[in-house]
Amino acid sequence: MSKIQNNKPIYDLEDRTFKFAKDCRLFIKTLPITIANKEDSKQLIRASGSIGANYREANEALSKKDFLMRIKISRKESKESEYWLSLINETNNLNDDKAARLIQEVIELKKILSAIIEKSR
């Protein structure tokens, strides 16, 4: 469902993807500093931010083909984010469920993006 602000639609998924990227960054700050975590974190930062960035680009698409391409990139980046989150989760002794909650959120985002792709064909 979208809202209107300044005669421009605001999409809840834009907010949700932004929050996901922000939450990933905050999560990374809690990790122990190791070579692996530094490298995995860089990958997660790129992928998690790209989900929302490409979704916003899709909302400004010039054609249906451009829209679908951007949504597919968002979905691809959500799959990559899930991978990096899972790897970080499996290689650290984390005592909370932050990673699990982020993994659940990115799985939901991936499903939403997949549904958008299916409905747009």
PDB file of N, CA and C in Angstrom:
ATOM      1  N   MET A   1       0.848  -1.167   0.000  1.00  0.00           N
ATOM      2  CA  MET A   1       0.000   0.000   0.000  1.00  0.00           C
ATOM      3  C   MET A   1       0.899   1.237   0.000  1.00  0.00           C
ATOM      4  N   SER A   2       0.573   2.215  -0.799  1.00  0.00           N
ATOM      5  CA  SER A   2       1.397   3.407  -0.862  1.00  0.00           C
ATOM      6  C   SER A   2       0.692   4.590  -0.221  1.00  0.00           C
ATOM      7  N   LYS A   3       1.493   5.549   0.217  1.00  0.00           N
ATOM      8  CA  LYS A   3       0.993   6.784   0.790  1.00  0.00           C
ATOM      9  C   LYS A   3       1.349   7.908  -0.171  1.00  0.00           C
ATOM     10  N   ILE A   4       0.683   9.041  -0.050  1.00  0.00           N
ATOM     11  CA  ILE A   4       0.987  10.191  -0.894  1.00  0.00           C
ATOM     12  C   ILE A   4       1.619  11.268  -0.017  1.00  0.00           C
ATOM     13  N   GLN A   5       2.738  11.798  -0.481  1.00  0.00           N
ATOM     14  CA  GLN A   5       3.406  12.886   0.218  1.00  0.00           C
ATOM     15  C   GLN A   5       3.963  13.819  -0.848  1.00  0.00           C
ATOM     16  N   ASN A   6       3.592  15.095  -0.775  1.00  0.00           N
ATOM     17  CA  ASN A   6       4.017  16.083  -1.773  1.00  0.00           C
ATOM     18  C   ASN A   6       3.674  15.636  -3.189  1.00  0.00           C
ATOM     19  N   ASN A   7       2.458  15.102  -3.357  1.00  0.00           N
ATOM     20  CA  ASN A   7       1.964  14.625  -4.651  1.00  0.00           C
ATOM     21  C   ASN A   7       2.800  13.498  -5.253  1.00  0.00           C
ATOM     22  N   LYS A   8       3.610  12.832  -4.446  1.00  0.00           N
ATOM     23  CA  LYS A   8       4.441  11.736  -4.929  1.00  0.00           C
ATOM     24  C   LYS A   8       4.160  10.509  -4.064  1.00  0.00           C
ATOM     25  N   PRO A   9       3.944   9.344  -4.679  1.00  0.00           N
ATOM     26  CA  PRO A   9       3.660   8.161  -3.861  1.00  0.00           C
ATOM     27  C   PRO A   9       4.879   7.728  -3.049  1.00  0.00           C
ATOM     28  N   ILE A  10       4.648   7.344  -1.821  1.00  0.00           N
ATOM     29  CA  ILE A  10       5.688   6.780  -0.959  1.00  0.00           C
ATOM     30  C   ILE A  10       5.329   5.312  -0.765  1.00  0.00           C
ATOM     31  N   TYR A  11       6.206   4.430  -1.167  1.00  0.00           N
ATOM     32  CA  TYR A  11       5.934   3.004  -1.120  1.00  0.00           C
ATOM     33  C   TYR A  11       6.486   2.401   0.164  1.00  0.00           C
ATOM     34  N   ASP A  12       5.652   1.628   0.848  1.00  0.00           N
ATOM     35  CA  ASP A  12       6.070   0.996   2.090  1.00  0.00           C
ATOM     36  C   ASP A  12       7.290   0.099   1.880  1.00  0.00           C
ATOM     37  N   LEU A  13       7.391  -0.529   0.719  1.00  0.00           N
ATOM     38  CA  LEU A  13       8.531  -1.399   0.462  1.00  0.00           C
ATOM     39  C   LEU A  13       9.822  -0.586   0.365  1.00  0.00           C
ATOM     40  N   GLU A  14       9.740   0.652  -0.064  1.00  0.00           N
ATOM     41  CA  GLU A  14      10.915   1.517  -0.049  1.00  0.00           C
ATOM     42  C   GLU A  14      11.395   1.703   1.383  1.00  0.00           C
ATOM     43  N   ASP A  15      10.470   1.975   2.290  1.00  0.00           N
ATOM     44  CA  ASP A  15      10.820   2.137   3.703  1.00  0.00           C
ATOM     45  C   ASP A  15      11.372   0.834   4.283  1.00  0.00           C
ATOM     46  N   ARG A  16      10.739  -0.254   3.932  1.00  0.00           N
ATOM     47  CA  ARG A  16      11.132  -1.551   4.487  1.00  0.00           C
ATOM     48  C   ARG A  16      12.522  -1.967   4.011  1.00  0.00           C
ATOM     49  N   THR A  17      12.836  -1.727   2.744  1.00  0.00           N
ATOM     50  CA  THR A  17      14.164  -2.084   2.239  1.00  0.00           C
ATOM     51  C   THR A  17      15.233  -1.164   2.833  1.00  0.00           C
ATOM     52  N   PHE A  18      14.877   0.107   3.053  1.00  0.00           N
ATOM     53  CA  PHE A  18      15.811   1.033   3.698  1.00  0.00           C
ATOM     54  C   PHE A  18      16.105   0.565   5.125  1.00  0.00           C
ATOM     55  N   LYS A  19      15.049   0.210   5.854  1.00  0.00           N
ATOM     56  CA  LYS A  19      15.216  -0.255   7.231  1.00  0.00           C
ATOM     57  C   LYS A  19      16.068  -1.524   7.274  1.00  0.00           C
ATOM     58  N   PHE A  20      15.873  -2.417   6.321  1.00  0.00           N
ATOM     59  CA  PHE A  20      16.666  -3.645   6.275  1.00  0.00           C
ATOM     60  C   PHE A  20      18.151  -3.309   6.104  1.00  0.00           C
ATOM     61  N   ALA A  21      18.473  -2.428   5.162  1.00  0.00           N
ATOM     62  CA  ALA A  21      19.869  -2.051   4.932  1.00  0.00           C
ATOM     63  C   ALA A  21      20.456  -1.395   6.187  1.00  0.00           C
ATOM     64  N   LYS A  22      19.679  -0.535   6.814  1.00  0.00           N
ATOM     65  CA  LYS A  22      20.124   0.134   8.041  1.00  0.00           C
ATOM     66  C   LYS A  22      20.362  -0.885   9.146  1.00  0.00           C
ATOM     67  N   ASP A  23      19.426  -1.813   9.324  1.00  0.00           N
ATOM     68  CA  ASP A  23      19.558  -2.835  10.360  1.00  0.00           C
ATOM     69  C   ASP A  23      20.768  -3.735  10.123  1.00  0.00           C
ATOM     70  N   CYS A  24      21.069  -4.024   8.863  1.00  0.00           N
ATOM     71  CA  CYS A  24      22.269  -4.814   8.548  1.00  0.00           C
ATOM     72  C   CYS A  24      23.522  -4.066   8.985  1.00  0.00           C
ATOM     73  N   ARG A  25      23.569  -2.782   8.737  1.00  0.00           N
ATOM     74  CA  ARG A  25      24.722  -1.978   9.135  1.00  0.00           C
ATOM     75  C   ARG A  25      24.879  -1.928  10.654  1.00  0.00           C
ATOM     76  N   LEU A  26      23.764  -1.787  11.349  1.00  0.00           N
ATOM     77  CA  LEU A  26      23.815  -1.764  12.814  1.00  0.00           C
ATOM     78  C   LEU A  26      24.241  -3.128  13.363  1.00  0.00           C
ATOM     79  N   PHE A  27      23.775  -4.199  12.730  1.00  0.00           N
ATOM     80  CA  PHE A  27      24.156  -5.555  13.124  1.00  0.00           C
ATOM     81  C   PHE A  27      25.660  -5.767  12.952  1.00  0.00           C
ATOM     82  N   ILE A  28      26.198  -5.324  11.840  1.00  0.00           N
ATOM     83  CA  ILE A  28      27.618  -5.495  11.545  1.00  0.00           C
ATOM     84  C   ILE A  28      28.486  -4.842  12.630  1.00  0.00           C
ATOM     85  N   LYS A  29      28.014  -3.727  13.151  1.00  0.00           N
ATOM     86  CA  LYS A  29      28.779  -3.028  14.199  1.00  0.00           C
ATOM     87  C   LYS A  29      28.922  -3.856  15.475  1.00  0.00           C
ATOM     88  N   THR A  30      28.065  -4.856  15.651  1.00  0.00           N
ATOM     89  CA  THR A  30      28.108  -5.678  16.865  1.00  0.00           C
ATOM     90  C   THR A  30      29.021  -6.895  16.723  1.00  0.00           C
ATOM     91  N   LEU A  31      29.508  -7.152  15.518  1.00  0.00           N
ATOM     92  CA  LEU A  31      30.308  -8.357  15.272  1.00  0.00           C
ATOM     93  C   LEU A  31      31.740  -8.190  15.764  1.00  0.00           C
ATOM     94  N   PRO A  32      32.366  -9.303  16.151  1.00  0.00           N
ATOM     95  CA  PRO A  32      33.797  -9.246  16.487  1.00  0.00           C
ATOM     96  C   PRO A  32      34.592  -8.845  15.243  1.00  0.00           C
ATOM     97  N   ILE A  33      35.671  -8.136  15.462  1.00  0.00           N
ATOM     98  CA  ILE A  33      36.503  -7.696  14.337  1.00  0.00           C
ATOM     99  C   ILE A  33      37.476  -8.819  13.971  1.00  0.00           C
ATOM    100  N   THR A  34      37.164  -9.470  12.850  1.00  0.00           N
ATOM    101  CA  THR A  34      38.050 -10.508  12.304  1.00  0.00           C
ATOM    102  C   THR A  34      38.193 -10.228  10.810  1.00  0.00           C
ATOM    103  N   ILE A  35      39.185 -10.834  10.205  1.00  0.00           N
ATOM    104  CA  ILE A  35      39.372 -10.649   8.758  1.00  0.00           C
ATOM    105  C   ILE A  35      38.133 -11.129   8.007  1.00  0.00           C
ATOM    106  N   ALA A  36      37.614 -12.285   8.377  1.00  0.00           N
ATOM    107  CA  ALA A  36      36.439 -12.835   7.696  1.00  0.00           C
ATOM    108  C   ALA A  36      35.230 -11.926   7.876  1.00  0.00           C
ATOM    109  N   ASN A  37      34.990 -11.467   9.099  1.00  0.00           N
ATOM    110  CA  ASN A  37      33.841 -10.594   9.335  1.00  0.00           C
ATOM    111  C   ASN A  37      33.965  -9.275   8.575  1.00  0.00           C
ATOM    112  N   LYS A  38      35.169  -8.747   8.486  1.00  0.00           N
ATOM    113  CA  LYS A  38      35.356  -7.500   7.728  1.00  0.00           C
ATOM    114  C   LYS A  38      34.967  -7.704   6.270  1.00  0.00           C
ATOM    115  N   GLU A  39      35.448  -8.783   5.676  1.00  0.00           N
ATOM    116  CA  GLU A  39      35.172  -9.038   4.253  1.00  0.00           C
ATOM    117  C   GLU A  39      33.708  -9.391   4.021  1.00  0.00           C
ATOM    118  N   ASP A  40      33.158 -10.257   4.868  1.00  0.00           N
ATOM    119  CA  ASP A  40      31.752 -10.633   4.721  1.00  0.00           C
ATOM    120  C   ASP A  40      30.843  -9.433   4.944  1.00  0.00           C
ATOM    121  N   SER A  41      31.215  -8.586   5.889  1.00  0.00           N
ATOM    122  CA  SER A  41      30.420  -7.388   6.182  1.00  0.00           C
ATOM    123  C   SER A  41      30.390  -6.429   5.007  1.00  0.00           C
ATOM    124  N   LYS A  42      31.512  -6.269   4.336  1.00  0.00           N
ATOM    125  CA  LYS A  42      31.555  -5.405   3.144  1.00  0.00           C
ATOM    126  C   LYS A  42      30.571  -5.908   2.092  1.00  0.00           C
ATOM    127  N   GLN A  43      30.570  -7.215   1.895  1.00  0.00           N
ATOM    128  CA  GLN A  43      29.664  -7.806   0.904  1.00  0.00           C
ATOM    129  C   GLN A  43      28.207  -7.602   1.318  1.00  0.00           C
ATOM    130  N   LEU A  44      27.919  -7.798   2.605  1.00  0.00           N
ATOM    131  CA  LEU A  44      26.557  -7.621   3.101  1.00  0.00           C
ATOM    132  C   LEU A  44      26.111  -6.169   2.974  1.00  0.00           C
ATOM    133  N   ILE A  45      26.987  -5.239   3.267  1.00  0.00           N
ATOM    134  CA  ILE A  45      26.646  -3.818   3.143  1.00  0.00           C
ATOM    135  C   ILE A  45      26.256  -3.499   1.706  1.00  0.00           C
ATOM    136  N   ARG A  46      27.050  -3.960   0.754  1.00  0.00           N
ATOM    137  CA  ARG A  46      26.752  -3.693  -0.661  1.00  0.00           C
ATOM    138  C   ARG A  46      25.425  -4.314  -1.093  1.00  0.00           C
ATOM    139  N   ALA A  47      25.252  -5.592  -0.775  1.00  0.00           N
ATOM    140  CA  ALA A  47      24.054  -6.305  -1.226  1.00  0.00           C
ATOM    141  C   ALA A  47      22.790  -5.770  -0.557  1.00  0.00           C
ATOM    142  N   SER A  48      22.842  -5.537   0.739  1.00  0.00           N
ATOM    143  CA  SER A  48      21.637  -5.083   1.454  1.00  0.00           C
ATOM    144  C   SER A  48      21.211  -3.690   1.000  1.00  0.00           C
ATOM    145  N   GLY A  49      22.161  -2.832   0.732  1.00  0.00           N
ATOM    146  CA  GLY A  49      21.828  -1.496   0.242  1.00  0.00           C
ATOM    147  C   GLY A  49      21.313  -1.508  -1.180  1.00  0.00           C
ATOM    148  N   SER A  50      21.783  -2.445  -1.952  1.00  0.00           N
ATOM    149  CA  SER A  50      21.382  -2.535  -3.354  1.00  0.00           C
ATOM    150  C   SER A  50      19.928  -2.978  -3.524  1.00  0.00           C
ATOM    151  N   ILE A  51      19.400  -3.714  -2.556  1.00  0.00           N
ATOM    152  CA  ILE A  51      17.997  -4.140  -2.646  1.00  0.00           C
ATOM    153  C   ILE A  51      17.099  -2.917  -2.764  1.00  0.00           C
ATOM    154  N   GLY A  52      17.213  -2.015  -1.810  1.00  0.00           N
ATOM    155  CA  GLY A  52      16.369  -0.824  -1.792  1.00  0.00           C
ATOM    156  C   GLY A  52      16.693   0.153  -2.891  1.00  0.00           C
ATOM    157  N   ALA A  53      17.972   0.301  -3.201  1.00  0.00           N
ATOM    158  CA  ALA A  53      18.365   1.243  -4.249  1.00  0.00           C
ATOM    159  C   ALA A  53      17.760   0.830  -5.597  1.00  0.00           C
ATOM    160  N   ASN A  54      17.830  -0.457  -5.901  1.00  0.00           N
ATOM    161  CA  ASN A  54      17.263  -0.927  -7.168  1.00  0.00           C
ATOM    162  C   ASN A  54      15.743  -0.924  -7.151  1.00  0.00           C
ATOM    163  N   TYR A  55      15.144  -1.166  -5.993  1.00  0.00           N
ATOM    164  CA  TYR A  55      13.689  -1.075  -5.909  1.00  0.00           C
ATOM    165  C   TYR A  55      13.226   0.357  -6.185  1.00  0.00           C
ATOM    166  N   ARG A  56      13.921   1.318  -5.626  1.00  0.00           N
ATOM    167  CA  ARG A  56      13.573   2.728  -5.888  1.00  0.00           C
ATOM    168  C   ARG A  56      13.767   3.068  -7.359  1.00  0.00           C
ATOM    169  N   GLU A  57      14.835   2.562  -7.951  1.00  0.00           N
ATOM    170  CA  GLU A  57      15.049   2.764  -9.388  1.00  0.00           C
ATOM    171  C   GLU A  57      13.898   2.159 -10.189  1.00  0.00           C
ATOM    172  N   ALA A  58      13.424   1.003  -9.761  1.00  0.00           N
ATOM    173  CA  ALA A  58      12.316   0.356 -10.463  1.00  0.00           C
ATOM    174  C   ALA A  58      11.068   1.232 -10.425  1.00  0.00           C
ATOM    175  N   ASN A  59      10.843   1.901  -9.304  1.00  0.00           N
ATOM    176  CA  ASN A  59       9.669   2.766  -9.183  1.00  0.00           C
ATOM    177  C   ASN A  59       9.740   3.988 -10.089  1.00  0.00           C
ATOM    178  N   GLU A  60      10.920   4.277 -10.602  1.00  0.00           N
ATOM    179  CA  GLU A  60      11.103   5.396 -11.537  1.00  0.00           C
ATOM    180  C   GLU A  60      11.422   4.896 -12.947  1.00  0.00           C
ATOM    181  N   ALA A  61      11.155   3.631 -13.185  1.00  0.00           N
ATOM    182  CA  ALA A  61      11.523   3.002 -14.462  1.00  0.00           C
ATOM    183  C   ALA A  61      10.869   3.695 -15.651  1.00  0.00           C
ATOM    184  N   LEU A  62      11.600   3.684 -16.753  1.00  0.00           N
ATOM    185  CA  LEU A  62      11.126   4.309 -17.982  1.00  0.00           C
ATOM    186  C   LEU A  62      10.290   3.356 -18.828  1.00  0.00           C
ATOM    187  N   SER A  63      10.395   2.071 -18.544  1.00  0.00           N
ATOM    188  CA  SER A  63       9.636   1.079 -19.301  1.00  0.00           C
ATOM    189  C   SER A  63       9.386  -0.147 -18.415  1.00  0.00           C
ATOM    190  N   LYS A  64       8.493  -0.999 -18.880  1.00  0.00           N
ATOM    191  CA  LYS A  64       8.207  -2.237 -18.148  1.00  0.00           C
ATOM    192  C   LYS A  64       9.450  -3.124 -18.097  1.00  0.00           C
ATOM    193  N   LYS A  65      10.196  -3.155 -19.197  1.00  0.00           N
ATOM    194  CA  LYS A  65      11.416  -3.953 -19.258  1.00  0.00           C
ATOM    195  C   LYS A  65      12.433  -3.448 -18.227  1.00  0.00           C
ATOM    196  N   ASP A  66      12.586  -2.141 -18.133  1.00  0.00           N
ATOM    197  CA  ASP A  66      13.491  -1.535 -17.156  1.00  0.00           C
ATOM    198  C   ASP A  66      13.016  -1.840 -15.736  1.00  0.00           C
ATOM    199  N   PHE A  67      11.711  -1.739 -15.507  1.00  0.00           N
ATOM    200  CA  PHE A  67      11.129  -2.044 -14.196  1.00  0.00           C
ATOM    201  C   PHE A  67      11.470  -3.471 -13.783  1.00  0.00           C
ATOM    202  N   LEU A  68      11.198  -4.423 -14.671  1.00  0.00           N
ATOM    203  CA  LEU A  68      11.456  -5.832 -14.361  1.00  0.00           C
ATOM    204  C   LEU A  68      12.933  -6.099 -14.102  1.00  0.00           C
ATOM    205  N   MET A  69      13.795  -5.472 -14.881  1.00  0.00           N
ATOM    206  CA  MET A  69      15.230  -5.670 -14.687  1.00  0.00           C
ATOM    207  C   MET A  69      15.646  -5.209 -13.289  1.00  0.00           C
ATOM    208  N   ARG A  70      15.160  -4.045 -12.863  1.00  0.00           N
ATOM    209  CA  ARG A  70      15.522  -3.501 -11.543  1.00  0.00           C
ATOM    210  C   ARG A  70      14.967  -4.365 -10.410  1.00  0.00           C
ATOM    211  N   ILE A  71      13.744  -4.843 -10.579  1.00  0.00           N
ATOM    212  CA  ILE A  71      13.151  -5.712  -9.553  1.00  0.00           C
ATOM    213  C   ILE A  71      13.924  -7.032  -9.477  1.00  0.00           C
ATOM    214  N   LYS A  72      14.329  -7.552 -10.620  1.00  0.00           N
ATOM    215  CA  LYS A  72      15.112  -8.790 -10.630  1.00  0.00           C
ATOM    216  C   LYS A  72      16.466  -8.583  -9.953  1.00  0.00           C
ATOM    217  N   ILE A  73      17.072  -7.426 -10.165  1.00  0.00           N
ATOM    218  CA  ILE A  73      18.342  -7.127  -9.490  1.00  0.00           C
ATOM    219  C   ILE A  73      18.106  -7.049  -7.980  1.00  0.00           C
ATOM    220  N   SER A  74      17.014  -6.408  -7.568  1.00  0.00           N
ATOM    221  CA  SER A  74      16.690  -6.342  -6.138  1.00  0.00           C
ATOM    222  C   SER A  74      16.547  -7.741  -5.550  1.00  0.00           C
ATOM    223  N   ARG A  75      15.861  -8.612  -6.270  1.00  0.00           N
ATOM    224  CA  ARG A  75      15.689  -9.986  -5.781  1.00  0.00           C
ATOM    225  C   ARG A  75      17.035 -10.711  -5.712  1.00  0.00           C
ATOM    226  N   LYS A  76      17.862 -10.511  -6.722  1.00  0.00           N
ATOM    227  CA  LYS A  76      19.197 -11.126  -6.735  1.00  0.00           C
ATOM    228  C   LYS A  76      20.011 -10.654  -5.529  1.00  0.00           C
ATOM    229  N   GLU A  77      19.943  -9.372  -5.243  1.00  0.00           N
ATOM    230  CA  GLU A  77      20.677  -8.823  -4.104  1.00  0.00           C
ATOM    231  C   GLU A  77      20.107  -9.311  -2.771  1.00  0.00           C
ATOM    232  N   SER A  78      18.809  -9.586  -2.731  1.00  0.00           N
ATOM    233  CA  SER A  78      18.234 -10.144  -1.502  1.00  0.00           C
ATOM    234  C   SER A  78      18.755 -11.565  -1.279  1.00  0.00           C
ATOM    235  N   LYS A  79      18.898 -12.328  -2.359  1.00  0.00           N
ATOM    236  CA  LYS A  79      19.468 -13.675  -2.234  1.00  0.00           C
ATOM    237  C   LYS A  79      20.910 -13.602  -1.743  1.00  0.00           C
ATOM    238  N   GLU A  80      21.650 -12.626  -2.272  1.00  0.00           N
ATOM    239  CA  GLU A  80      23.042 -12.465  -1.851  1.00  0.00           C
ATOM    240  C   GLU A  80      23.110 -12.030  -0.383  1.00  0.00           C
ATOM    241  N   SER A  81      22.242 -11.132   0.017  1.00  0.00           N
ATOM    242  CA  SER A  81      22.211 -10.690   1.414  1.00  0.00           C
ATOM    243  C   SER A  81      21.926 -11.862   2.344  1.00  0.00           C
ATOM    244  N   GLU A  82      20.991 -12.710   1.935  1.00  0.00           N
ATOM    245  CA  GLU A  82      20.676 -13.886   2.738  1.00  0.00           C
ATOM    246  C   GLU A  82      21.909 -14.772   2.889  1.00  0.00           C
ATOM    247  N   TYR A  83      22.657 -14.928   1.809  1.00  0.00           N
ATOM    248  CA  TYR A  83      23.874 -15.737   1.835  1.00  0.00           C
ATOM    249  C   TYR A  83      24.882 -15.185   2.847  1.00  0.00           C
ATOM    250  N   TRP A  84      25.164 -13.888   2.759  1.00  0.00           N
ATOM    251  CA  TRP A  84      26.169 -13.287   3.646  1.00  0.00           C
ATOM    252  C   TRP A  84      25.707 -13.306   5.093  1.00  0.00           C
ATOM    253  N   LEU A  85      24.431 -13.036   5.334  1.00  0.00           N
ATOM    254  CA  LEU A  85      23.913 -13.103   6.702  1.00  0.00           C
ATOM    255  C   LEU A  85      24.025 -14.516   7.266  1.00  0.00           C
ATOM    256  N   SER A  86      23.693 -15.504   6.456  1.00  0.00           N
ATOM    257  CA  SER A  86      23.786 -16.894   6.904  1.00  0.00           C
ATOM    258  C   SER A  86      25.233 -17.278   7.194  1.00  0.00           C
ATOM    259  N   LEU A  87      26.135 -16.849   6.341  1.00  0.00           N
ATOM    260  CA  LEU A  87      27.550 -17.158   6.550  1.00  0.00           C
ATOM    261  C   LEU A  87      28.071 -16.501   7.823  1.00  0.00           C
ATOM    262  N   ILE A  88      27.738 -15.237   8.021  1.00  0.00           N
ATOM    263  CA  ILE A  88      28.148 -14.541   9.247  1.00  0.00           C
ATOM    264  C   ILE A  88      27.555 -15.236  10.471  1.00  0.00           C
ATOM    265  N   ASN A  89      26.290 -15.601  10.375  1.00  0.00           N
ATOM    266  CA  ASN A  89      25.613 -16.264  11.490  1.00  0.00           C
ATOM    267  C   ASN A  89      26.268 -17.601  11.826  1.00  0.00           C
ATOM    268  N   GLU A  90      26.631 -18.366  10.798  1.00  0.00           N
ATOM    269  CA  GLU A  90      27.196 -19.710  11.010  1.00  0.00           C
ATOM    270  C   GLU A  90      28.656 -19.679  11.469  1.00  0.00           C
ATOM    271  N   THR A  91      29.356 -18.580  11.240  1.00  0.00           N
ATOM    272  CA  THR A  91      30.788 -18.544  11.566  1.00  0.00           C
ATOM    273  C   THR A  91      31.103 -17.699  12.791  1.00  0.00           C
ATOM    274  N   ASN A  92      30.074 -17.256  13.499  1.00  0.00           N
ATOM    275  CA  ASN A  92      30.266 -16.484  14.722  1.00  0.00           C
ATOM    276  C   ASN A  92      29.423 -17.110  15.829  1.00  0.00           C
ATOM    277  N   ASN A  93      29.878 -16.975  17.032  1.00  0.00           N
ATOM    278  CA  ASN A  93      29.116 -17.451  18.192  1.00  0.00           C
ATOM    279  C   ASN A  93      28.232 -16.313  18.677  1.00  0.00           C
ATOM    280  N   LEU A  94      27.118 -16.112  18.000  1.00  0.00           N
ATOM    281  CA  LEU A  94      26.223 -15.014  18.325  1.00  0.00           C
ATOM    282  C   LEU A  94      25.239 -15.462  19.398  1.00  0.00           C
ATOM    283  N   ASN A  95      25.080 -14.643  20.411  1.00  0.00           N
ATOM    284  CA  ASN A  95      24.224 -15.001  21.542  1.00  0.00           C
ATOM    285  C   ASN A  95      22.840 -14.375  21.476  1.00  0.00           C
ATOM    286  N   ASP A  96      22.474 -13.849  20.338  1.00  0.00           N
ATOM    287  CA  ASP A  96      21.136 -13.260  20.209  1.00  0.00           C
ATOM    288  C   ASP A  96      20.547 -13.692  18.870  1.00  0.00           C
ATOM    289  N   ASP A  97      19.366 -13.206  18.593  1.00  0.00           N
ATOM    290  CA  ASP A  97      18.697 -13.635  17.365  1.00  0.00           C
ATOM    291  C   ASP A  97      18.667 -12.541  16.293  1.00  0.00           C
ATOM    292  N   LYS A  98      19.587 -11.571  16.370  1.00  0.00           N
ATOM    293  CA  LYS A  98      19.605 -10.484  15.387  1.00  0.00           C
ATOM    294  C   LYS A  98      19.791 -11.021  13.962  1.00  0.00           C
ATOM    295  N   ALA A  99      20.752 -11.913  13.792  1.00  0.00           N
ATOM    296  CA  ALA A  99      21.002 -12.460  12.454  1.00  0.00           C
ATOM    297  C   ALA A  99      19.792 -13.237  11.953  1.00  0.00           C
ATOM    298  N   ALA A 100      19.186 -14.024  12.816  1.00  0.00           N
ATOM    299  CA  ALA A 100      18.014 -14.811  12.412  1.00  0.00           C
ATOM    300  C   ALA A 100      16.867 -13.904  11.992  1.00  0.00           C
ATOM    301  N   ARG A 101      16.665 -12.808  12.723  1.00  0.00           N
ATOM    302  CA  ARG A 101      15.598 -11.862  12.353  1.00  0.00           C
ATOM    303  C   ARG A 101      15.897 -11.197  11.015  1.00  0.00           C
ATOM    304  N   LEU A 102      17.161 -10.851  10.771  1.00  0.00           N
ATOM    305  CA  LEU A 102      17.531 -10.253   9.489  1.00  0.00           C
ATOM    306  C   LEU A 102      17.371 -11.254   8.346  1.00  0.00           C
ATOM    307  N   ILE A 103      17.730 -12.497   8.598  1.00  0.00           N
ATOM    308  CA  ILE A 103      17.566 -13.543   7.575  1.00  0.00           C
ATOM    309  C   ILE A 103      16.083 -13.718   7.258  1.00  0.00           C
ATOM    310  N   GLN A 104      15.244 -13.737   8.281  1.00  0.00           N
ATOM    311  CA  GLN A 104      13.803 -13.868   8.057  1.00  0.00           C
ATOM    312  C   GLN A 104      13.278 -12.682   7.239  1.00  0.00           C
ATOM    313  N   GLU A 105      13.728 -11.488   7.567  1.00  0.00           N
ATOM    314  CA  GLU A 105      13.274 -10.300   6.833  1.00  0.00           C
ATOM    315  C   GLU A 105      13.700 -10.352   5.373  1.00  0.00           C
ATOM    316  N   VAL A 106      14.929 -10.759   5.102  1.00  0.00           N
ATOM    317  CA  VAL A 106      15.379 -10.787   3.709  1.00  0.00           C
ATOM    318  C   VAL A 106      14.680 -11.901   2.931  1.00  0.00           C
ATOM    319  N   ILE A 107      14.317 -12.979   3.588  1.00  0.00           N
ATOM    320  CA  ILE A 107      13.535 -14.027   2.925  1.00  0.00           C
ATOM    321  C   ILE A 107      12.162 -13.474   2.545  1.00  0.00           C
ATOM    322  N   GLU A 108      11.557 -12.709   3.442  1.00  0.00           N
ATOM    323  CA  GLU A 108      10.268 -12.088   3.137  1.00  0.00           C
ATOM    324  C   GLU A 108      10.390 -11.074   2.000  1.00  0.00           C
ATOM    325  N   LEU A 109      11.440 -10.272   2.017  1.00  0.00           N
ATOM    326  CA  LEU A 109      11.661  -9.315   0.926  1.00  0.00           C
ATOM    327  C   LEU A 109      11.813 -10.046  -0.410  1.00  0.00           C
ATOM    328  N   LYS A 110      12.567 -11.147  -0.390  1.00  0.00           N
ATOM    329  CA  LYS A 110      12.774 -11.940  -1.609  1.00  0.00           C
ATOM    330  C   LYS A 110      11.448 -12.470  -2.140  1.00  0.00           C
ATOM    331  N   LYS A 111      10.579 -12.928  -1.245  1.00  0.00           N
ATOM    332  CA  LYS A 111       9.265 -13.435  -1.663  1.00  0.00           C
ATOM    333  C   LYS A 111       8.400 -12.320  -2.242  1.00  0.00           C
ATOM    334  N   ILE A 112       8.438 -11.148  -1.627  1.00  0.00           N
ATOM    335  CA  ILE A 112       7.671 -10.004  -2.130  1.00  0.00           C
ATOM    336  C   ILE A 112       8.164  -9.618  -3.519  1.00  0.00           C
ATOM    337  N   LEU A 113       9.471  -9.545  -3.684  1.00  0.00           N
ATOM    338  CA  LEU A 113      10.041  -9.175  -4.985  1.00  0.00           C
ATOM    339  C   LEU A 113       9.715 -10.235  -6.041  1.00  0.00           C
ATOM    340  N   SER A 114       9.739 -11.499  -5.655  1.00  0.00           N
ATOM    341  CA  SER A 114       9.370 -12.574  -6.586  1.00  0.00           C
ATOM    342  C   SER A 114       7.913 -12.447  -7.015  1.00  0.00           C
ATOM    343  N   ALA A 115       7.050 -12.099  -6.068  1.00  0.00           N
ATOM    344  CA  ALA A 115       5.626 -11.925  -6.395  1.00  0.00           C
ATOM    345  C   ALA A 115       5.435 -10.748  -7.351  1.00  0.00           C
ATOM    346  N   ILE A 116       6.178  -9.672  -7.143  1.00  0.00           N
ATOM    347  CA  ILE A 116       6.101  -8.523  -8.045  1.00  0.00           C
ATOM    348  C   ILE A 116       6.518  -8.926  -9.451  1.00  0.00           C
ATOM    349  N   ILE A 117       7.586  -9.712  -9.535  1.00  0.00           N
ATOM    350  CA  ILE A 117       8.068 -10.175 -10.859  1.00  0.00           C
ATOM    351  C   ILE A 117       6.994 -11.018 -11.541  1.00  0.00           C
ATOM    352  N   GLU A 118       6.416 -11.962 -10.802  1.00  0.00           N
ATOM    353  CA  GLU A 118       5.390 -12.848 -11.382  1.00  0.00           C
ATOM    354  C   GLU A 118       4.169 -12.046 -11.857  1.00  0.00           C
ATOM    355  N   LYS A 119       3.748 -11.079 -11.067  1.00  0.00           N
ATOM    356  CA  LYS A 119       2.570 -10.298 -11.430  1.00  0.00           C
ATOM    357  C   LYS A 119       2.836  -9.313 -12.560  1.00  0.00           C
ATOM    358  N   SER A 120       4.106  -8.991 -12.790  1.00  0.00           N
ATOM    359  CA  SER A 120       4.454  -8.008 -13.812  1.00  0.00           C
ATOM    360  C   SER A 120       4.705  -8.628 -15.170  1.00  0.00           C
ATOM    361  N   ARG A 121       4.717  -9.935 -15.252  1.00  0.00           N
ATOM    362  CA  ARG A 121       4.998 -10.601 -16.538  1.00  0.00           C
ATOM    363  C   ARG A 121       3.810 -10.583 -17.441  1.00  0.00           C
TER     364      ARG A 121
END
